[in-house]
Amino acid sequence: MVEESNLKYWRDAGHVARRTLEAMKDELKPGKTYHEIIESAERFIHRHGGKPAFPGTVAVNDLAAHFTTNHQVEGVEGWDGEAVLQKGDCVKIDFGVHIKGHIGDNALTLEIGNSNQHTEQIKAAREARDAAIEMMHPGTPWHKVGQAAAQPSLDAGFQPIRNLCGHQLKPWELHAGVSVPSFACGKENRGFSGLVEEGGVYAVEPFNTTGESGLIENIGRSNSSNIYRVTGLTTSRKARAKNQLKPLGAQMARNLEERYATLPFAERWAFPMLKKPFPEADEASLQSKWNALVKKLISIRFLETYHVLRCADGGNIAQFEHTVHITPGGPEILTVE
């Protein structure tokens, strides 16, 4: 339940998130690199009074989500495409903003160069998002929201992605427990039981695909996204007290807690903090130290990582997303200009 006094933070975060998304549409042109778009979006967020709630992400064609560049600006591990936009690409951009932990999360799909190869799919994904939101009145069963989200894509000949869903938002929690279905899950599905709650804040983000399976899969290593998150399952202080971390490792962990709380962060945001304790170290040495630190922090369950996601059978994927607040009269879209 959102406290009335905090609604301004939610609305302001949503407003900045939407402005960021709209501003980046003008930068989606052939020859632009993913990194240029991501960095431009994150700069825009800071300039307009917010902070990134998670690293900006770009997903092209059969990629679905969870890719941001690392500090070396490398491409997607295990994927054939270059990290440069080309005419005809179907591009998903996903940006989130937080203001004092209150999150606005939104995404859109756009075709590079207006070659009209993906027009119907993009339209269906947008309509899926809007149809789901229209159903989100207090007391509506979640399976009805999923059915509403699925229908526009099915009617247009596309498959809803079944193993990606929207999510509840709470202060400092990007995925706060309740999942928002984007397919006809049915009333018996325990993963989507319950009702839309008045006062809840939800990210609604249906994906669809030209593939037959309606499923996404992980690619690359567990940290192929270059995105990390402090789990909250332990703390730097507790890990140090248990001798799980040496003093420098504990200090690094504390820095991550203080900077990002439990919101996702990019490798390229955190990597430079190694330069202060190791000013003379070269790139290879810093990379080795970073890898060792991350491995240790994951092993003690202080950090978790994310895979890049793609369509399991190579289909093209489209997505749209809004953040909504559920009022007594129905959904209030927070990610508006």
C-alpha atoms as a PDB file:
ATOM      1  CA  MET A   1       0.000   0.000   0.000  1.00  0.00           C
ATOM      2  CA  VAL A   2       1.436   3.353  -1.062  1.00  0.00           C
ATOM      3  CA  GLU A   3       1.426   6.045   1.588  1.00  0.00           C
ATOM      4  CA  GLU A   4      -0.118   9.273   0.339  1.00  0.00           C
ATOM      5  CA  SER A   5       2.948  11.229   1.436  1.00  0.00           C
ATOM      6  CA  ASN A   6       5.145   9.109  -0.858  1.00  0.00           C
ATOM      7  CA  LEU A   7       2.975   9.307  -3.965  1.00  0.00           C
ATOM      8  CA  LYS A   8       4.911  12.341  -5.165  1.00  0.00           C
ATOM      9  CA  TYR A   9       8.123  10.298  -5.241  1.00  0.00           C
ATOM     10  CA  TRP A  10       6.425   7.529  -7.246  1.00  0.00           C
ATOM     11  CA  ARG A  11       4.943  10.027  -9.698  1.00  0.00           C
ATOM     12  CA  ASP A  12       8.156  11.996 -10.086  1.00  0.00           C
ATOM     13  CA  ALA A  13      10.151   8.809 -10.707  1.00  0.00           C
ATOM     14  CA  GLY A  14       7.612   7.697 -13.286  1.00  0.00           C
ATOM     15  CA  HIS A  15       7.701  11.097 -14.970  1.00  0.00           C
ATOM     16  CA  VAL A  16      11.494  11.094 -15.310  1.00  0.00           C
ATOM     17  CA  ALA A  17      11.450   7.471 -16.505  1.00  0.00           C
ATOM     18  CA  ARG A  18       8.995   8.319 -19.265  1.00  0.00           C
ATOM     19  CA  ARG A  19      10.900  11.415 -20.336  1.00  0.00           C
ATOM     20  CA  THR A  20      14.049   9.295 -20.546  1.00  0.00           C
ATOM     21  CA  LEU A  21      12.372   6.685 -22.711  1.00  0.00           C
ATOM     22  CA  GLU A  22      10.902   9.281 -25.061  1.00  0.00           C
ATOM     23  CA  ALA A  23      14.195  11.178 -25.333  1.00  0.00           C
ATOM     24  CA  MET A  24      16.071   8.007 -26.283  1.00  0.00           C
ATOM     25  CA  LYS A  25      13.685   7.237 -29.150  1.00  0.00           C
ATOM     26  CA  ASP A  26      15.390  10.010 -31.116  1.00  0.00           C
ATOM     27  CA  GLU A  27      18.774   8.302 -30.632  1.00  0.00           C
ATOM     28  CA  LEU A  28      17.720   4.907 -31.990  1.00  0.00           C
ATOM     29  CA  LYS A  29      19.292   5.165 -35.424  1.00  0.00           C
ATOM     30  CA  PRO A  30      21.473   2.936 -37.606  1.00  0.00           C
ATOM     31  CA  GLY A  31      25.098   3.046 -36.509  1.00  0.00           C
ATOM     32  CA  LYS A  32      24.396   3.946 -32.887  1.00  0.00           C
ATOM     33  CA  THR A  33      26.010   1.582 -30.406  1.00  0.00           C
ATOM     34  CA  TYR A  34      24.094   0.050 -27.513  1.00  0.00           C
ATOM     35  CA  HIS A  35      26.611   1.667 -25.186  1.00  0.00           C
ATOM     36  CA  GLU A  36      25.967   5.158 -26.533  1.00  0.00           C
ATOM     37  CA  ILE A  37      22.225   4.766 -25.966  1.00  0.00           C
ATOM     38  CA  ILE A  38      22.603   3.305 -22.493  1.00  0.00           C
ATOM     39  CA  GLU A  39      25.048   5.965 -21.300  1.00  0.00           C
ATOM     40  CA  SER A  40      22.952   8.741 -22.819  1.00  0.00           C
ATOM     41  CA  ALA A  41      19.859   7.488 -21.004  1.00  0.00           C
ATOM     42  CA  GLU A  42      21.648   7.223 -17.656  1.00  0.00           C
ATOM     43  CA  ARG A  43      23.046  10.755 -18.036  1.00  0.00           C
ATOM     44  CA  PHE A  44      19.538  12.009 -18.858  1.00  0.00           C
ATOM     45  CA  ILE A  45      18.175  10.418 -15.680  1.00  0.00           C
ATOM     46  CA  HIS A  46      20.798  12.090 -13.491  1.00  0.00           C
ATOM     47  CA  ARG A  47      20.319  15.459 -15.188  1.00  0.00           C
ATOM     48  CA  HIS A  48      16.595  15.367 -14.521  1.00  0.00           C
ATOM     49  CA  GLY A  49      16.716  14.662 -10.814  1.00  0.00           C
ATOM     50  CA  GLY A  50      16.563  10.888 -10.630  1.00  0.00           C
ATOM     51  CA  LYS A  51      18.930   7.960 -10.279  1.00  0.00           C
ATOM     52  CA  PRO A  52      18.874   4.784 -12.379  1.00  0.00           C
ATOM     53  CA  ALA A  53      16.789   2.128 -10.609  1.00  0.00           C
ATOM     54  CA  PHE A  54      18.734  -0.431 -12.650  1.00  0.00           C
ATOM     55  CA  PRO A  55      21.235  -0.228 -15.509  1.00  0.00           C
ATOM     56  CA  GLY A  56      19.780   0.893 -18.811  1.00  0.00           C
ATOM     57  CA  THR A  57      19.271  -2.090 -21.113  1.00  0.00           C
ATOM     58  CA  VAL A  58      19.055  -2.638 -24.867  1.00  0.00           C
ATOM     59  CA  ALA A  59      17.749  -5.864 -26.417  1.00  0.00           C
ATOM     60  CA  VAL A  60      17.676  -6.406 -30.186  1.00  0.00           C
ATOM     61  CA  ASN A  61      15.627  -8.862 -32.277  1.00  0.00           C
ATOM     62  CA  ASP A  62      15.581 -12.275 -30.508  1.00  0.00           C
ATOM     63  CA  LEU A  63      17.152 -10.844 -27.346  1.00  0.00           C
ATOM     64  CA  ALA A  64      14.473 -10.173 -24.743  1.00  0.00           C
ATOM     65  CA  ALA A  65      16.091  -8.383 -21.808  1.00  0.00           C
ATOM     66  CA  HIS A  66      18.923  -7.978 -19.318  1.00  0.00           C
ATOM     67  CA  PHE A  67      21.850  -6.664 -21.305  1.00  0.00           C
ATOM     68  CA  THR A  68      23.880  -3.635 -20.369  1.00  0.00           C
ATOM     69  CA  THR A  69      27.452  -2.942 -21.436  1.00  0.00           C
ATOM     70  CA  ASN A  70      30.423  -3.545 -19.154  1.00  0.00           C
ATOM     71  CA  HIS A  71      33.329  -1.161 -18.561  1.00  0.00           C
ATOM     72  CA  GLN A  72      35.134  -2.606 -21.588  1.00  0.00           C
ATOM     73  CA  VAL A  73      32.047  -1.982 -23.767  1.00  0.00           C
ATOM     74  CA  GLU A  74      31.940  -5.577 -24.961  1.00  0.00           C
ATOM     75  CA  GLY A  75      29.026  -7.058 -26.903  1.00  0.00           C
ATOM     76  CA  VAL A  76      26.588  -9.754 -25.860  1.00  0.00           C
ATOM     77  CA  GLU A  77      28.312 -12.996 -24.905  1.00  0.00           C
ATOM     78  CA  GLY A  78      27.383 -15.906 -27.139  1.00  0.00           C
ATOM     79  CA  TRP A  79      25.290 -13.807 -29.521  1.00  0.00           C
ATOM     80  CA  ASP A  80      26.137 -13.341 -33.195  1.00  0.00           C
ATOM     81  CA  GLY A  81      25.053  -9.717 -33.546  1.00  0.00           C
ATOM     82  CA  GLU A  82      27.263  -6.692 -33.051  1.00  0.00           C
ATOM     83  CA  ALA A  83      26.370  -4.145 -30.390  1.00  0.00           C
ATOM     84  CA  VAL A  84      25.480  -1.594 -33.073  1.00  0.00           C
ATOM     85  CA  LEU A  85      21.979  -0.760 -34.292  1.00  0.00           C
ATOM     86  CA  GLN A  86      21.200  -1.640 -37.889  1.00  0.00           C
ATOM     87  CA  LYS A  87      18.280  -0.836 -40.164  1.00  0.00           C
ATOM     88  CA  GLY A  88      15.465  -3.303 -39.605  1.00  0.00           C
ATOM     89  CA  ASP A  89      16.458  -4.165 -36.013  1.00  0.00           C
ATOM     90  CA  CYS A  90      13.598  -4.576 -33.556  1.00  0.00           C
ATOM     91  CA  VAL A  91      14.944  -2.812 -30.458  1.00  0.00           C
ATOM     92  CA  LYS A  92      13.671  -2.936 -26.891  1.00  0.00           C
ATOM     93  CA  ILE A  93      14.910  -0.213 -24.536  1.00  0.00           C
ATOM     94  CA  ASP A  94      14.126  -0.488 -20.824  1.00  0.00           C
ATOM     95  CA  PHE A  95      14.932   2.292 -18.354  1.00  0.00           C
ATOM     96  CA  GLY A  96      14.101   2.679 -14.682  1.00  0.00           C
ATOM     97  CA  VAL A  97      14.369   5.662 -12.362  1.00  0.00           C
ATOM     98  CA  HIS A  98      14.236   5.884  -8.622  1.00  0.00           C
ATOM     99  CA  ILE A  99      13.728   8.852  -6.355  1.00  0.00           C
ATOM    100  CA  LYS A 100      14.501   7.926  -2.748  1.00  0.00           C
ATOM    101  CA  GLY A 101      13.918   4.300  -3.700  1.00  0.00           C
ATOM    102  CA  HIS A 102      10.536   4.863  -5.358  1.00  0.00           C
ATOM    103  CA  ILE A 103      10.723   3.355  -8.850  1.00  0.00           C
ATOM    104  CA  GLY A 104       9.400   4.178 -12.295  1.00  0.00           C
ATOM    105  CA  ASP A 105      10.051   1.342 -14.754  1.00  0.00           C
ATOM    106  CA  ASN A 106       9.182   1.535 -18.458  1.00  0.00           C
ATOM    107  CA  ALA A 107      10.115   0.102 -21.828  1.00  0.00           C
ATOM    108  CA  LEU A 108       9.214   0.304 -25.488  1.00  0.00           C
ATOM    109  CA  THR A 109       9.986  -1.374 -28.796  1.00  0.00           C
ATOM    110  CA  LEU A 110      10.985   0.489 -31.940  1.00  0.00           C
ATOM    111  CA  GLU A 111      12.094  -0.584 -35.387  1.00  0.00           C
ATOM    112  CA  ILE A 112      15.309   0.973 -36.651  1.00  0.00           C
ATOM    113  CA  GLY A 113      14.931   2.766 -39.973  1.00  0.00           C
ATOM    114  CA  ASN A 114      11.127   2.426 -40.274  1.00  0.00           C
ATOM    115  CA  SER A 115      11.362  -0.470 -42.715  1.00  0.00           C
ATOM    116  CA  ASN A 116       7.946  -1.790 -41.554  1.00  0.00           C
ATOM    117  CA  GLN A 117       9.147  -5.328 -40.918  1.00  0.00           C
ATOM    118  CA  HIS A 118       7.891  -5.455 -37.324  1.00  0.00           C
ATOM    119  CA  THR A 119       4.965  -3.013 -37.345  1.00  0.00           C
ATOM    120  CA  GLU A 120       2.201  -5.469 -36.487  1.00  0.00           C
ATOM    121  CA  GLN A 121       4.187  -7.177 -33.753  1.00  0.00           C
ATOM    122  CA  ILE A 122       5.120  -3.878 -32.120  1.00  0.00           C
ATOM    123  CA  LYS A 123       1.493  -2.719 -32.271  1.00  0.00           C
ATOM    124  CA  ALA A 124       0.314  -5.960 -30.662  1.00  0.00           C
ATOM    125  CA  ALA A 125       2.838  -5.644 -27.823  1.00  0.00           C
ATOM    126  CA  ARG A 126       1.718  -2.093 -27.080  1.00  0.00           C
ATOM    127  CA  GLU A 127      -1.935  -3.149 -27.125  1.00  0.00           C
ATOM    128  CA  ALA A 128      -1.132  -6.086 -24.832  1.00  0.00           C
ATOM    129  CA  ARG A 129       0.319  -3.722 -22.226  1.00  0.00           C
ATOM    130  CA  ASP A 130      -2.644  -1.372 -22.456  1.00  0.00           C
ATOM    131  CA  ALA A 131      -5.212  -4.183 -22.294  1.00  0.00           C
ATOM    132  CA  ALA A 132      -3.581  -5.583 -19.158  1.00  0.00           C
ATOM    133  CA  ILE A 133      -3.584  -2.172 -17.494  1.00  0.00           C
ATOM    134  CA  GLU A 134      -7.261  -1.632 -18.290  1.00  0.00           C
ATOM    135  CA  MET A 135      -8.079  -4.773 -16.290  1.00  0.00           C
ATOM    136  CA  MET A 136      -6.128  -3.701 -13.220  1.00  0.00           C
ATOM    137  CA  HIS A 137      -8.889  -2.552 -10.914  1.00  0.00           C
ATOM    138  CA  PRO A 138      -8.830  -3.484  -7.214  1.00  0.00           C
ATOM    139  CA  GLY A 139     -10.057  -7.028  -6.721  1.00  0.00           C
ATOM    140  CA  THR A 140      -9.484  -8.278 -10.281  1.00  0.00           C
ATOM    141  CA  PRO A 141      -8.002 -11.809 -10.311  1.00  0.00           C
ATOM    142  CA  TRP A 142      -4.529 -11.881 -11.807  1.00  0.00           C
ATOM    143  CA  HIS A 143      -5.463 -14.575 -14.317  1.00  0.00           C
ATOM    144  CA  LYS A 144      -7.888 -12.116 -15.954  1.00  0.00           C
ATOM    145  CA  VAL A 145      -5.068  -9.584 -16.308  1.00  0.00           C
ATOM    146  CA  GLY A 146      -2.958 -12.262 -18.001  1.00  0.00           C
ATOM    147  CA  GLN A 147      -5.777 -13.209 -20.370  1.00  0.00           C
ATOM    148  CA  ALA A 148      -6.263  -9.561 -21.331  1.00  0.00           C
ATOM    149  CA  ALA A 149      -2.521  -9.141 -21.963  1.00  0.00           C
ATOM    150  CA  ALA A 150      -2.345 -12.255 -24.139  1.00  0.00           C
ATOM    151  CA  GLN A 151      -5.265 -11.600 -26.431  1.00  0.00           C
ATOM    152  CA  PRO A 152      -3.914  -8.748 -28.633  1.00  0.00           C
ATOM    153  CA  SER A 153      -0.761 -10.723 -29.447  1.00  0.00           C
ATOM    154  CA  LEU A 154      -2.671 -13.941 -30.117  1.00  0.00           C
ATOM    155  CA  ASP A 155      -5.170 -12.118 -32.317  1.00  0.00           C
ATOM    156  CA  ALA A 156      -2.297 -10.683 -34.363  1.00  0.00           C
ATOM    157  CA  GLY A 157      -0.610 -14.077 -34.758  1.00  0.00           C
ATOM    158  CA  PHE A 158       2.145 -13.779 -32.131  1.00  0.00           C
ATOM    159  CA  GLN A 159       2.869 -15.807 -29.013  1.00  0.00           C
ATOM    160  CA  PRO A 160       2.910 -14.157 -25.572  1.00  0.00           C
ATOM    161  CA  ILE A 161       6.108 -14.945 -23.684  1.00  0.00           C
ATOM    162  CA  ARG A 162       5.032 -17.131 -20.756  1.00  0.00           C
ATOM    163  CA  ASN A 163       8.161 -17.223 -18.588  1.00  0.00           C
ATOM    164  CA  LEU A 164       8.667 -13.473 -18.289  1.00  0.00           C
ATOM    165  CA  CYS A 165       6.212 -11.386 -16.335  1.00  0.00           C
ATOM    166  CA  GLY A 166       5.601  -8.017 -14.745  1.00  0.00           C
ATOM    167  CA  HIS A 167       6.257  -7.392 -11.087  1.00  0.00           C
ATOM    168  CA  GLN A 168       5.184  -5.499  -8.019  1.00  0.00           C
ATOM    169  CA  LEU A 169       7.324  -2.546  -6.967  1.00  0.00           C
ATOM    170  CA  LYS A 170       8.055  -1.345  -3.452  1.00  0.00           C
ATOM    171  CA  PRO A 171      10.560   1.246  -2.205  1.00  0.00           C
ATOM    172  CA  TRP A 172      14.051  -0.105  -2.948  1.00  0.00           C
ATOM    173  CA  GLU A 173      12.534  -3.365  -4.300  1.00  0.00           C
ATOM    174  CA  LEU A 174      12.353  -3.804  -8.058  1.00  0.00           C
ATOM    175  CA  HIS A 175      10.765  -7.265  -7.828  1.00  0.00           C
ATOM    176  CA  ALA A 176       8.668  -7.159  -4.684  1.00  0.00           C
ATOM    177  CA  GLY A 177       6.909 -10.509  -4.636  1.00  0.00           C
ATOM    178  CA  VAL A 178       3.725 -10.360  -6.731  1.00  0.00           C
ATOM    179  CA  SER A 179       4.127 -11.298 -10.399  1.00  0.00           C
ATOM    180  CA  VAL A 180       1.951  -9.850 -13.170  1.00  0.00           C
ATOM    181  CA  PRO A 181       1.081 -12.477 -15.820  1.00  0.00           C
ATOM    182  CA  SER A 182       1.270 -11.688 -19.527  1.00  0.00           C
ATOM    183  CA  PHE A 183      -0.412 -14.872 -20.791  1.00  0.00           C
ATOM    184  CA  ALA A 184      -3.613 -16.805 -20.160  1.00  0.00           C
ATOM    185  CA  CYS A 185      -2.282 -18.566 -17.060  1.00  0.00           C
ATOM    186  CA  GLY A 186      -5.709 -19.784 -15.879  1.00  0.00           C
ATOM    187  CA  LYS A 187      -7.335 -19.413 -12.485  1.00  0.00           C
ATOM    188  CA  GLU A 188      -5.652 -22.546 -11.082  1.00  0.00           C
ATOM    189  CA  ASN A 189      -2.105 -21.286 -11.660  1.00  0.00           C
ATOM    190  CA  ARG A 190      -0.598 -20.894  -8.180  1.00  0.00           C
ATOM    191  CA  GLY A 191       2.126 -18.565  -9.417  1.00  0.00           C
ATOM    192  CA  PHE A 192      -0.478 -15.931 -10.242  1.00  0.00           C
ATOM    193  CA  SER A 193      -3.045 -16.453  -7.511  1.00  0.00           C
ATOM    194  CA  GLY A 194      -4.619 -13.564  -5.687  1.00  0.00           C
ATOM    195  CA  LEU A 195      -6.110 -10.252  -6.714  1.00  0.00           C
ATOM    196  CA  VAL A 196      -4.982  -6.840  -7.873  1.00  0.00           C
ATOM    197  CA  GLU A 197      -4.571  -4.812  -4.680  1.00  0.00           C
ATOM    198  CA  GLU A 198      -5.629  -1.223  -4.148  1.00  0.00           C
ATOM    199  CA  GLY A 199      -2.553   0.872  -3.373  1.00  0.00           C
ATOM    200  CA  GLY A 200      -0.186  -1.523  -5.123  1.00  0.00           C
ATOM    201  CA  VAL A 201       2.406  -0.364  -7.635  1.00  0.00           C
ATOM    202  CA  TYR A 202       3.142  -2.723 -10.526  1.00  0.00           C
ATOM    203  CA  ALA A 203       5.369  -2.821 -13.599  1.00  0.00           C
ATOM    204  CA  VAL A 204       3.250  -4.207 -16.432  1.00  0.00           C
ATOM    205  CA  GLU A 205       5.426  -5.506 -19.301  1.00  0.00           C
ATOM    206  CA  PRO A 206       4.048  -8.074 -21.750  1.00  0.00           C
ATOM    207  CA  PHE A 207       6.503  -9.580 -24.244  1.00  0.00           C
ATOM    208  CA  ASN A 208       5.499 -11.360 -27.437  1.00  0.00           C
ATOM    209  CA  THR A 209       7.428 -13.357 -30.034  1.00  0.00           C
ATOM    210  CA  THR A 210       7.274 -14.563 -33.611  1.00  0.00           C
ATOM    211  CA  GLY A 211       8.539 -17.904 -32.292  1.00  0.00           C
ATOM    212  CA  GLU A 212       6.312 -20.897 -31.557  1.00  0.00           C
ATOM    213  CA  SER A 213       7.430 -21.810 -28.033  1.00  0.00           C
ATOM    214  CA  GLY A 214       6.500 -18.582 -26.245  1.00  0.00           C
ATOM    215  CA  LEU A 215       9.524 -19.075 -23.996  1.00  0.00           C
ATOM    216  CA  ILE A 216      12.790 -17.278 -23.268  1.00  0.00           C
ATOM    217  CA  GLU A 217      16.093 -18.854 -22.233  1.00  0.00           C
ATOM    218  CA  ASN A 218      19.344 -17.779 -20.583  1.00  0.00           C
ATOM    219  CA  ILE A 219      22.456 -17.190 -22.669  1.00  0.00           C
ATOM    220  CA  GLY A 220      26.084 -16.952 -21.634  1.00  0.00           C
ATOM    221  CA  ARG A 221      27.464 -17.062 -18.127  1.00  0.00           C
ATOM    222  CA  SER A 222      25.333 -16.315 -15.079  1.00  0.00           C
ATOM    223  CA  ASN A 223      26.619 -12.725 -15.141  1.00  0.00           C
ATOM    224  CA  SER A 224      26.349 -12.294 -18.937  1.00  0.00           C
ATOM    225  CA  SER A 225      24.062  -9.292 -18.450  1.00  0.00           C
ATOM    226  CA  ASN A 226      26.806  -7.343 -16.617  1.00  0.00           C
ATOM    227  CA  ILE A 227      24.122  -6.622 -14.000  1.00  0.00           C
ATOM    228  CA  TYR A 228      24.432  -7.433 -10.285  1.00  0.00           C
ATOM    229  CA  ARG A 229      22.309  -6.964  -7.184  1.00  0.00           C
ATOM    230  CA  VAL A 230      23.000  -6.972  -3.448  1.00  0.00           C
ATOM    231  CA  THR A 231      20.643  -9.689  -2.222  1.00  0.00           C
ATOM    232  CA  GLY A 232      19.984  -8.405   1.293  1.00  0.00           C
ATOM    233  CA  LEU A 233      20.402 -11.981   2.577  1.00  0.00           C
ATOM    234  CA  THR A 234      23.556 -10.994   4.417  1.00  0.00           C
ATOM    235  CA  THR A 235      25.482  -7.767   5.018  1.00  0.00           C
ATOM    236  CA  SER A 236      29.075  -6.675   4.749  1.00  0.00           C
ATOM    237  CA  ARG A 237      29.191  -6.326   8.529  1.00  0.00           C
ATOM    238  CA  LYS A 238      27.900  -9.872   9.130  1.00  0.00           C
ATOM    239  CA  ALA A 239      30.224 -11.331   6.480  1.00  0.00           C
ATOM    240  CA  ARG A 240      33.217  -9.635   8.100  1.00  0.00           C
ATOM    241  CA  ALA A 241      32.175 -10.808  11.578  1.00  0.00           C
ATOM    242  CA  LYS A 242      32.007 -14.400  10.286  1.00  0.00           C
ATOM    243  CA  ASN A 243      35.451 -14.021   8.641  1.00  0.00           C
ATOM    244  CA  GLN A 244      33.840 -14.590   5.250  1.00  0.00           C
ATOM    245  CA  LEU A 245      35.465 -11.418   3.949  1.00  0.00           C
ATOM    246  CA  LYS A 246      38.827  -9.807   4.509  1.00  0.00           C
ATOM    247  CA  PRO A 247      38.873  -6.097   5.445  1.00  0.00           C
ATOM    248  CA  LEU A 248      39.226  -4.832   1.880  1.00  0.00           C
ATOM    249  CA  GLY A 249      36.513  -7.166   0.585  1.00  0.00           C
ATOM    250  CA  ALA A 250      34.212  -6.054   3.383  1.00  0.00           C
ATOM    251  CA  GLN A 251      34.874  -2.409   2.510  1.00  0.00           C
ATOM    252  CA  MET A 252      34.041  -3.054  -1.136  1.00  0.00           C
ATOM    253  CA  ALA A 253      30.841  -4.834  -0.123  1.00  0.00           C
ATOM    254  CA  ARG A 254      29.903  -1.948   2.147  1.00  0.00           C
ATOM    255  CA  ASN A 255      30.428   0.481  -0.722  1.00  0.00           C
ATOM    256  CA  LEU A 256      27.996  -1.522  -2.851  1.00  0.00           C
ATOM    257  CA  GLU A 257      25.401  -1.541  -0.066  1.00  0.00           C
ATOM    258  CA  GLU A 258      25.682   2.191   0.439  1.00  0.00           C
ATOM    259  CA  ARG A 259      25.573   3.082  -3.265  1.00  0.00           C
ATOM    260  CA  TYR A 260      22.879   0.755  -4.547  1.00  0.00           C
ATOM    261  CA  ALA A 261      21.025  -0.772  -1.574  1.00  0.00           C
ATOM    262  CA  THR A 262      19.296  -3.824  -3.119  1.00  0.00           C
ATOM    263  CA  LEU A 263      18.612  -2.268  -6.547  1.00  0.00           C
ATOM    264  CA  PRO A 264      20.456  -3.756  -9.553  1.00  0.00           C
ATOM    265  CA  PHE A 265      23.685  -2.072 -10.621  1.00  0.00           C
ATOM    266  CA  ALA A 266      26.032  -2.295 -13.608  1.00  0.00           C
ATOM    267  CA  GLU A 267      29.514  -3.767 -13.563  1.00  0.00           C
ATOM    268  CA  ARG A 268      30.744  -0.588 -15.272  1.00  0.00           C
ATOM    269  CA  TRP A 269      29.357   1.519 -12.371  1.00  0.00           C
ATOM    270  CA  ALA A 270      31.148  -0.483  -9.683  1.00  0.00           C
ATOM    271  CA  PHE A 271      34.374  -1.577 -11.393  1.00  0.00           C
ATOM    272  CA  PRO A 272      36.121   1.827 -11.022  1.00  0.00           C
ATOM    273  CA  MET A 273      36.005   1.593  -7.216  1.00  0.00           C
ATOM    274  CA  LEU A 274      38.963  -0.820  -7.430  1.00  0.00           C
ATOM    275  CA  LYS A 275      41.199   1.948  -8.731  1.00  0.00           C
ATOM    276  CA  LYS A 276      41.376   3.715  -5.366  1.00  0.00           C
ATOM    277  CA  PRO A 277      42.898   0.823  -3.371  1.00  0.00           C
ATOM    278  CA  PHE A 278      44.947  -0.341  -6.377  1.00  0.00           C
ATOM    279  CA  PRO A 279      46.070   2.849  -8.177  1.00  0.00           C
ATOM    280  CA  GLU A 280      49.052   1.194  -9.878  1.00  0.00           C
ATOM    281  CA  ALA A 281      47.243  -1.906 -11.100  1.00  0.00           C
ATOM    282  CA  ASP A 282      46.853  -2.458 -14.849  1.00  0.00           C
ATOM    283  CA  GLU A 283      43.630  -3.503 -16.568  1.00  0.00           C
ATOM    284  CA  ALA A 284      44.390  -7.244 -16.393  1.00  0.00           C
ATOM    285  CA  SER A 285      45.141  -7.041 -12.681  1.00  0.00           C
ATOM    286  CA  LEU A 286      42.016  -4.994 -11.938  1.00  0.00           C
ATOM    287  CA  GLN A 287      39.888  -7.439 -13.922  1.00  0.00           C
ATOM    288  CA  SER A 288      41.339 -10.352 -11.980  1.00  0.00           C
ATOM    289  CA  LYS A 289      40.628  -8.614  -8.674  1.00  0.00           C
ATOM    290  CA  TRP A 290      37.078  -7.779  -9.752  1.00  0.00           C
ATOM    291  CA  ASN A 291      36.417 -11.375 -10.819  1.00  0.00           C
ATOM    292  CA  ALA A 292      37.732 -12.690  -7.494  1.00  0.00           C
ATOM    293  CA  LEU A 293      35.648 -10.186  -5.511  1.00  0.00           C
ATOM    294  CA  VAL A 294      32.463 -11.000  -7.415  1.00  0.00           C
ATOM    295  CA  LYS A 295      33.032 -14.754  -7.094  1.00  0.00           C
ATOM    296  CA  LYS A 296      33.486 -14.402  -3.344  1.00  0.00           C
ATOM    297  CA  LEU A 297      30.455 -12.129  -2.864  1.00  0.00           C
ATOM    298  CA  ILE A 298      28.281 -14.518  -4.845  1.00  0.00           C
ATOM    299  CA  SER A 299      29.545 -17.518  -2.877  1.00  0.00           C
ATOM    300  CA  ILE A 300      28.443 -15.971   0.442  1.00  0.00           C
ATOM    301  CA  ARG A 301      25.090 -14.951  -1.138  1.00  0.00           C
ATOM    302  CA  PHE A 302      25.850 -11.251  -0.815  1.00  0.00           C
ATOM    303  CA  LEU A 303      25.499 -10.702  -4.585  1.00  0.00           C
ATOM    304  CA  GLU A 304      23.368 -12.236  -7.325  1.00  0.00           C
ATOM    305  CA  THR A 305      23.746 -11.918 -11.084  1.00  0.00           C
ATOM    306  CA  TYR A 306      21.526 -11.968 -14.159  1.00  0.00           C
ATOM    307  CA  HIS A 307      21.712 -13.803 -17.490  1.00  0.00           C
ATOM    308  CA  VAL A 308      20.980 -12.155 -20.807  1.00  0.00           C
ATOM    309  CA  LEU A 309      17.624 -13.500 -22.029  1.00  0.00           C
ATOM    310  CA  ARG A 310      16.584 -14.438 -25.562  1.00  0.00           C
ATOM    311  CA  CYS A 311      13.736 -16.230 -27.302  1.00  0.00           C
ATOM    312  CA  ALA A 312      14.205 -19.980 -26.893  1.00  0.00           C
ATOM    313  CA  ASP A 313      13.471 -20.752 -30.554  1.00  0.00           C
ATOM    314  CA  GLY A 314      14.973 -17.649 -32.130  1.00  0.00           C
ATOM    315  CA  GLY A 315      11.802 -15.635 -32.595  1.00  0.00           C
ATOM    316  CA  ASN A 316      11.764 -11.873 -32.742  1.00  0.00           C
ATOM    317  CA  ILE A 317      10.599 -10.273 -29.472  1.00  0.00           C
ATOM    318  CA  ALA A 318       8.659  -7.069 -28.775  1.00  0.00           C
ATOM    319  CA  GLN A 319       7.786  -5.495 -25.404  1.00  0.00           C
ATOM    320  CA  PHE A 320       6.117  -2.451 -23.872  1.00  0.00           C
ATOM    321  CA  GLU A 321       6.005  -1.482 -20.198  1.00  0.00           C
ATOM    322  CA  HIS A 322       4.357   1.019 -17.881  1.00  0.00           C
ATOM    323  CA  THR A 323       4.379   1.419 -14.109  1.00  0.00           C
ATOM    324  CA  VAL A 324       0.907   1.733 -12.605  1.00  0.00           C
ATOM    325  CA  HIS A 325      -0.520   2.621  -9.193  1.00  0.00           C
ATOM    326  CA  ILE A 326      -3.844   1.006  -8.307  1.00  0.00           C
ATOM    327  CA  THR A 327      -6.323   3.579  -6.995  1.00  0.00           C
ATOM    328  CA  PRO A 328      -9.885   2.883  -5.769  1.00  0.00           C
ATOM    329  CA  GLY A 329     -11.085   3.902  -9.238  1.00  0.00           C
ATOM    330  CA  GLY A 330      -8.566   1.815 -11.176  1.00  0.00           C
ATOM    331  CA  PRO A 331      -5.045   2.071 -12.584  1.00  0.00           C
ATOM    332  CA  GLU A 332      -3.082   5.317 -12.584  1.00  0.00           C
ATOM    333  CA  ILE A 333      -0.236   5.153 -15.091  1.00  0.00           C
ATOM    334  CA  LEU A 334       2.839   6.670 -13.412  1.00  0.00           C
ATOM    335  CA  THR A 335       5.197   6.505 -16.385  1.00  0.00           C
ATOM    336  CA  VAL A 336       3.631   9.374 -18.289  1.00  0.00           C
ATOM    337  CA  GLU A 337       5.318  12.469 -19.710  1.00  0.00           C
END
